[in-house]
Amino acid sequence: MNFYDWMIQTHHDGTGPASHLAADMEADFYTGPYTHQAILAHLHECGAIDACIETFEECWREYLTSPTRNRRSKRRPLKAPRPLIGRWEDSNQGTFLTLDKERQQALMEWIRTDLTHGRDWCSKTSYGLKHLFERDTGHYVTNAQFKDAMIIAGYQPKNIKALNHCYRLHPLSPAFNPERR
């Protein structure tokens, strides 16, 4: 069985870093070679943080000595994936993955701390929200990079085909505080 299938079957229902990595792998739709070098390169391309890389290395060592490694996988083959990020008409200007790690982390942290899920659709679009992020942090990102980050953070747009996305955001989210200007 390949490493991805082994990780999912061995660690998915547990707790801790290996379980988190297994859950990420289940949602990843990776179709490349299942060699150590190829998977490591893929993790780096995805912007994996150092702790994730360390967990991968520990799990790879465990995989190499696991007696279940030679069993047949129980998972059904995946359909051809449709990417969740980097699929916007303005993605040619750069995707979330083209940002340096510092900017990726700053953007994800800002979304986590300054935006709050809400019931109603917010009138501010991804384009306006990216400017609030720039106002608060001094970091410029493209609209496509911001939309990617919102998807990664768990926000679903009202119309995925729209150039500027609207999200369900609470009107009292810290980012909307007028005193922050």
C-alpha atoms as a PDB file:
ATOM      1  CA  MET A   1       0.000   0.000   0.000  1.00  0.00           C
ATOM      2  CA  ASN A   2       1.300   3.467  -0.773  1.00  0.00           C
ATOM      3  CA  PHE A   3       2.328   5.905   1.949  1.00  0.00           C
ATOM      4  CA  TYR A   4      -0.797   8.090   1.675  1.00  0.00           C
ATOM      5  CA  ASP A   5      -3.151   5.126   2.060  1.00  0.00           C
ATOM      6  CA  TRP A   6      -1.054   3.753   4.922  1.00  0.00           C
ATOM      7  CA  MET A   7      -1.103   7.132   6.730  1.00  0.00           C
ATOM      8  CA  ILE A   8      -4.865   7.454   6.378  1.00  0.00           C
ATOM      9  CA  GLN A   9      -5.566   3.890   7.509  1.00  0.00           C
ATOM     10  CA  THR A  10      -3.024   3.983  10.346  1.00  0.00           C
ATOM     11  CA  HIS A  11      -3.330   7.501  11.777  1.00  0.00           C
ATOM     12  CA  HIS A  12      -6.545   9.152  10.577  1.00  0.00           C
ATOM     13  CA  ASP A  13      -8.700   8.442  13.630  1.00  0.00           C
ATOM     14  CA  GLY A  14      -6.038   9.247  16.203  1.00  0.00           C
ATOM     15  CA  THR A  15      -4.948  12.488  17.786  1.00  0.00           C
ATOM     16  CA  GLY A  16      -1.838  14.584  17.452  1.00  0.00           C
ATOM     17  CA  PRO A  17       0.376  15.637  14.555  1.00  0.00           C
ATOM     18  CA  ALA A  18       0.325  12.292  12.690  1.00  0.00           C
ATOM     19  CA  SER A  19      -3.477  12.305  12.735  1.00  0.00           C
ATOM     20  CA  HIS A  20      -3.546  15.882  11.430  1.00  0.00           C
ATOM     21  CA  LEU A  21      -1.129  14.981   8.641  1.00  0.00           C
ATOM     22  CA  ALA A  22      -3.266  11.935   7.744  1.00  0.00           C
ATOM     23  CA  ALA A  23      -6.387  14.115   7.562  1.00  0.00           C
ATOM     24  CA  ASP A  24      -4.551  16.581   5.314  1.00  0.00           C
ATOM     25  CA  MET A  25      -3.384  13.727   3.108  1.00  0.00           C
ATOM     26  CA  GLU A  26      -6.927  12.390   2.791  1.00  0.00           C
ATOM     27  CA  ALA A  27      -8.060  15.754   1.418  1.00  0.00           C
ATOM     28  CA  ASP A  28      -4.939  16.339  -0.693  1.00  0.00           C
ATOM     29  CA  PHE A  29      -5.667  14.416  -3.935  1.00  0.00           C
ATOM     30  CA  TYR A  30      -1.927  13.845  -4.426  1.00  0.00           C
ATOM     31  CA  THR A  31      -1.343  11.830  -7.612  1.00  0.00           C
ATOM     32  CA  GLY A  32       2.448  11.932  -7.895  1.00  0.00           C
ATOM     33  CA  PRO A  33       4.930   9.175  -7.114  1.00  0.00           C
ATOM     34  CA  TYR A  34       4.786   7.791  -3.576  1.00  0.00           C
ATOM     35  CA  THR A  35       8.517   8.045  -2.959  1.00  0.00           C
ATOM     36  CA  HIS A  36       9.982   9.849   0.040  1.00  0.00           C
ATOM     37  CA  GLN A  37      11.608  12.476  -2.183  1.00  0.00           C
ATOM     38  CA  ALA A  38       8.468  13.155  -4.259  1.00  0.00           C
ATOM     39  CA  ILE A  39       6.150  13.457  -1.255  1.00  0.00           C
ATOM     40  CA  LEU A  40       8.635  15.687   0.567  1.00  0.00           C
ATOM     41  CA  ALA A  41       8.873  17.951  -2.504  1.00  0.00           C
ATOM     42  CA  HIS A  42       5.063  18.059  -2.672  1.00  0.00           C
ATOM     43  CA  LEU A  43       4.828  19.074   0.999  1.00  0.00           C
ATOM     44  CA  HIS A  44       7.324  21.880   0.398  1.00  0.00           C
ATOM     45  CA  GLU A  45       5.349  23.044  -2.677  1.00  0.00           C
ATOM     46  CA  CYS A  46       2.208  23.154  -0.533  1.00  0.00           C
ATOM     47  CA  GLY A  47       3.982  25.395   1.968  1.00  0.00           C
ATOM     48  CA  ALA A  48       4.113  22.849   4.783  1.00  0.00           C
ATOM     49  CA  ILE A  49       5.562  24.213   8.014  1.00  0.00           C
ATOM     50  CA  ASP A  50       8.618  22.630   9.672  1.00  0.00           C
ATOM     51  CA  ALA A  51       6.531  20.726  12.241  1.00  0.00           C
ATOM     52  CA  CYS A  52       4.583  19.078   9.416  1.00  0.00           C
ATOM     53  CA  ILE A  53       7.815  18.059   7.662  1.00  0.00           C
ATOM     54  CA  GLU A  54       9.141  16.579  10.930  1.00  0.00           C
ATOM     55  CA  THR A  55       5.912  14.604  11.389  1.00  0.00           C
ATOM     56  CA  PHE A  56       6.171  13.331   7.816  1.00  0.00           C
ATOM     57  CA  GLU A  57       9.751  12.152   8.429  1.00  0.00           C
ATOM     58  CA  GLU A  58       8.744  10.322  11.638  1.00  0.00           C
ATOM     59  CA  CYS A  59       5.781   8.670   9.923  1.00  0.00           C
ATOM     60  CA  TRP A  60       7.900   7.703   6.906  1.00  0.00           C
ATOM     61  CA  ARG A  61      10.332   5.877   9.202  1.00  0.00           C
ATOM     62  CA  GLU A  62       7.386   4.106  10.855  1.00  0.00           C
ATOM     63  CA  TYR A  63       5.956   3.217   7.423  1.00  0.00           C
ATOM     64  CA  LEU A  64       9.220   1.603   6.308  1.00  0.00           C
ATOM     65  CA  THR A  65       9.089  -0.897   9.190  1.00  0.00           C
ATOM     66  CA  SER A  66       5.321  -1.419   9.342  1.00  0.00           C
ATOM     67  CA  PRO A  67       4.039  -4.954   8.673  1.00  0.00           C
ATOM     68  CA  THR A  68       0.796  -3.467   7.282  1.00  0.00           C
ATOM     69  CA  ARG A  69       2.730  -1.664   4.560  1.00  0.00           C
ATOM     70  CA  ASN A  70       2.543  -4.680   2.225  1.00  0.00           C
ATOM     71  CA  ARG A  71      -1.219  -5.116   2.556  1.00  0.00           C
ATOM     72  CA  ARG A  72      -3.635  -4.090  -0.149  1.00  0.00           C
ATOM     73  CA  SER A  73      -5.219  -0.672   0.308  1.00  0.00           C
ATOM     74  CA  LYS A  74      -8.868  -0.513   1.385  1.00  0.00           C
ATOM     75  CA  ARG A  75      -9.384   2.884  -0.205  1.00  0.00           C
ATOM     76  CA  ARG A  76     -11.039   3.269  -3.579  1.00  0.00           C
ATOM     77  CA  PRO A  77      -9.079   5.139  -6.264  1.00  0.00           C
ATOM     78  CA  LEU A  78      -9.734   8.873  -6.326  1.00  0.00           C
ATOM     79  CA  LYS A  79     -11.462  10.647  -9.175  1.00  0.00           C
ATOM     80  CA  ALA A  80      -9.463  13.281 -10.995  1.00  0.00           C
ATOM     81  CA  PRO A  81      -9.228  16.188  -8.557  1.00  0.00           C
ATOM     82  CA  ARG A  82     -10.543  19.666  -9.061  1.00  0.00           C
ATOM     83  CA  PRO A  83      -8.275  22.054  -7.183  1.00  0.00           C
ATOM     84  CA  LEU A  84      -9.786  23.971  -4.298  1.00  0.00           C
ATOM     85  CA  ILE A  85      -7.326  26.845  -4.608  1.00  0.00           C
ATOM     86  CA  GLY A  86      -5.553  28.521  -7.505  1.00  0.00           C
ATOM     87  CA  ARG A  87      -8.553  28.089  -9.786  1.00  0.00           C
ATOM     88  CA  TRP A  88      -9.706  31.698 -10.100  1.00  0.00           C
ATOM     89  CA  GLU A  89      -9.563  33.709 -13.309  1.00  0.00           C
ATOM     90  CA  ASP A  90      -7.113  36.085 -11.613  1.00  0.00           C
ATOM     91  CA  SER A  91      -4.833  33.286 -10.330  1.00  0.00           C
ATOM     92  CA  ASN A  92      -2.284  34.049 -13.040  1.00  0.00           C
ATOM     93  CA  GLN A  93      -1.185  36.920 -10.774  1.00  0.00           C
ATOM     94  CA  GLY A  94      -0.151  34.388  -8.116  1.00  0.00           C
ATOM     95  CA  THR A  95      -1.764  31.886  -5.774  1.00  0.00           C
ATOM     96  CA  PHE A  96      -1.510  31.458  -2.016  1.00  0.00           C
ATOM     97  CA  LEU A  97       1.277  28.942  -2.595  1.00  0.00           C
ATOM     98  CA  THR A  98       3.394  31.573  -4.387  1.00  0.00           C
ATOM     99  CA  LEU A  99       3.495  33.725  -1.237  1.00  0.00           C
ATOM    100  CA  ASP A 100       6.539  33.375   1.002  1.00  0.00           C
ATOM    101  CA  LYS A 101       5.908  31.481   4.261  1.00  0.00           C
ATOM    102  CA  GLU A 102       6.001  34.641   6.385  1.00  0.00           C
ATOM    103  CA  ARG A 103       3.235  36.240   4.327  1.00  0.00           C
ATOM    104  CA  GLN A 104       1.230  32.983   4.232  1.00  0.00           C
ATOM    105  CA  GLN A 105       1.377  32.729   8.017  1.00  0.00           C
ATOM    106  CA  ALA A 106       0.529  36.417   8.481  1.00  0.00           C
ATOM    107  CA  LEU A 107      -2.492  36.110   6.190  1.00  0.00           C
ATOM    108  CA  MET A 108      -3.798  32.935   7.835  1.00  0.00           C
ATOM    109  CA  GLU A 109      -3.285  34.422  11.306  1.00  0.00           C
ATOM    110  CA  TRP A 110      -5.127  37.615  10.300  1.00  0.00           C
ATOM    111  CA  ILE A 111      -8.071  35.625   8.933  1.00  0.00           C
ATOM    112  CA  ARG A 112      -8.152  33.485  12.097  1.00  0.00           C
ATOM    113  CA  THR A 113      -8.057  36.423  14.513  1.00  0.00           C
ATOM    114  CA  ASP A 114      -9.735  39.264  12.601  1.00  0.00           C
ATOM    115  CA  LEU A 115     -12.597  37.581  10.748  1.00  0.00           C
ATOM    116  CA  THR A 116     -15.436  35.700  12.400  1.00  0.00           C
ATOM    117  CA  HIS A 117     -17.894  33.351  10.701  1.00  0.00           C
ATOM    118  CA  GLY A 118     -21.385  34.805  10.502  1.00  0.00           C
ATOM    119  CA  ARG A 119     -24.903  33.887   9.437  1.00  0.00           C
ATOM    120  CA  ASP A 120     -25.384  36.447   6.690  1.00  0.00           C
ATOM    121  CA  TRP A 121     -23.414  37.248   3.567  1.00  0.00           C
ATOM    122  CA  CYS A 122     -21.058  40.162   4.145  1.00  0.00           C
ATOM    123  CA  SER A 123     -21.157  43.134   1.786  1.00  0.00           C
ATOM    124  CA  LYS A 124     -17.351  43.335   1.804  1.00  0.00           C
ATOM    125  CA  THR A 125     -15.825  41.224  -0.958  1.00  0.00           C
ATOM    126  CA  SER A 126     -12.499  39.427  -1.108  1.00  0.00           C
ATOM    127  CA  TYR A 127     -11.100  42.489  -2.864  1.00  0.00           C
ATOM    128  CA  GLY A 128     -12.103  44.791  -0.005  1.00  0.00           C
ATOM    129  CA  LEU A 129     -11.013  42.298   2.653  1.00  0.00           C
ATOM    130  CA  LYS A 130      -7.528  41.980   1.161  1.00  0.00           C
ATOM    131  CA  HIS A 131      -7.167  45.743   1.534  1.00  0.00           C
ATOM    132  CA  LEU A 132      -8.167  45.506   5.210  1.00  0.00           C
ATOM    133  CA  PHE A 133      -5.462  42.854   5.620  1.00  0.00           C
ATOM    134  CA  GLU A 134      -2.936  45.181   3.957  1.00  0.00           C
ATOM    135  CA  ARG A 135      -4.063  48.087   6.163  1.00  0.00           C
ATOM    136  CA  ASP A 136      -3.572  46.031   9.325  1.00  0.00           C
ATOM    137  CA  THR A 137      -0.335  44.218   8.444  1.00  0.00           C
ATOM    138  CA  GLY A 138       1.388  46.158   5.673  1.00  0.00           C
ATOM    139  CA  HIS A 139       1.467  42.954   3.563  1.00  0.00           C
ATOM    140  CA  TYR A 140       0.151  43.154  -0.003  1.00  0.00           C
ATOM    141  CA  VAL A 141      -1.573  40.079  -1.462  1.00  0.00           C
ATOM    142  CA  THR A 142      -3.508  39.628  -4.688  1.00  0.00           C
ATOM    143  CA  ASN A 143      -7.236  38.982  -4.728  1.00  0.00           C
ATOM    144  CA  ALA A 144      -6.571  35.390  -5.881  1.00  0.00           C
ATOM    145  CA  GLN A 145      -4.123  34.808  -3.017  1.00  0.00           C
ATOM    146  CA  PHE A 146      -6.676  36.151  -0.546  1.00  0.00           C
ATOM    147  CA  LYS A 147      -9.450  33.943  -1.979  1.00  0.00           C
ATOM    148  CA  ASP A 148      -7.168  30.894  -1.705  1.00  0.00           C
ATOM    149  CA  ALA A 149      -6.432  31.703   1.946  1.00  0.00           C
ATOM    150  CA  MET A 150     -10.134  32.086   2.745  1.00  0.00           C
ATOM    151  CA  ILE A 151     -10.867  28.657   1.232  1.00  0.00           C
ATOM    152  CA  ILE A 152      -8.006  27.133   3.246  1.00  0.00           C
ATOM    153  CA  ALA A 153      -9.375  28.821   6.390  1.00  0.00           C
ATOM    154  CA  GLY A 154     -12.782  27.217   5.822  1.00  0.00           C
ATOM    155  CA  TYR A 155     -14.781  30.100   4.353  1.00  0.00           C
ATOM    156  CA  GLN A 156     -16.960  29.172   1.367  1.00  0.00           C
ATOM    157  CA  PRO A 157     -17.796  31.925  -1.127  1.00  0.00           C
ATOM    158  CA  LYS A 158     -21.374  32.739  -2.098  1.00  0.00           C
ATOM    159  CA  ASN A 159     -20.541  32.377  -5.806  1.00  0.00           C
ATOM    160  CA  ILE A 160     -17.301  30.528  -6.507  1.00  0.00           C
ATOM    161  CA  LYS A 161     -17.301  31.796 -10.118  1.00  0.00           C
ATOM    162  CA  ALA A 162     -17.445  35.476  -9.148  1.00  0.00           C
ATOM    163  CA  LEU A 163     -14.284  37.549  -9.527  1.00  0.00           C
ATOM    164  CA  ASN A 164     -14.710  38.976  -6.016  1.00  0.00           C
ATOM    165  CA  HIS A 165     -15.985  36.521  -3.415  1.00  0.00           C
ATOM    166  CA  CYS A 166     -18.519  37.255  -0.677  1.00  0.00           C
ATOM    167  CA  TYR A 167     -18.401  35.252   2.564  1.00  0.00           C
ATOM    168  CA  ARG A 168     -20.594  34.719   5.612  1.00  0.00           C
ATOM    169  CA  LEU A 169     -18.848  37.045   8.050  1.00  0.00           C
ATOM    170  CA  HIS A 170     -20.037  38.424  11.351  1.00  0.00           C
ATOM    171  CA  PRO A 171     -20.513  42.218  11.143  1.00  0.00           C
ATOM    172  CA  LEU A 172     -18.627  42.671  14.437  1.00  0.00           C
ATOM    173  CA  SER A 173     -15.496  40.897  13.204  1.00  0.00           C
ATOM    174  CA  PRO A 174     -12.420  42.742  14.527  1.00  0.00           C
ATOM    175  CA  ALA A 175     -11.303  43.588  10.968  1.00  0.00           C
ATOM    176  CA  PHE A 176     -14.389  45.791  10.549  1.00  0.00           C
ATOM    177  CA  ASN A 177     -13.690  47.950  13.616  1.00  0.00           C
ATOM    178  CA  PRO A 178     -13.612  51.560  12.315  1.00  0.00           C
ATOM    179  CA  GLU A 179     -11.134  52.591  15.032  1.00  0.00           C
ATOM    180  CA  ARG A 180      -8.404  50.457  13.415  1.00  0.00           C
ATOM    181  CA  ARG A 181      -7.919  52.835  10.504  1.00  0.00           C
END
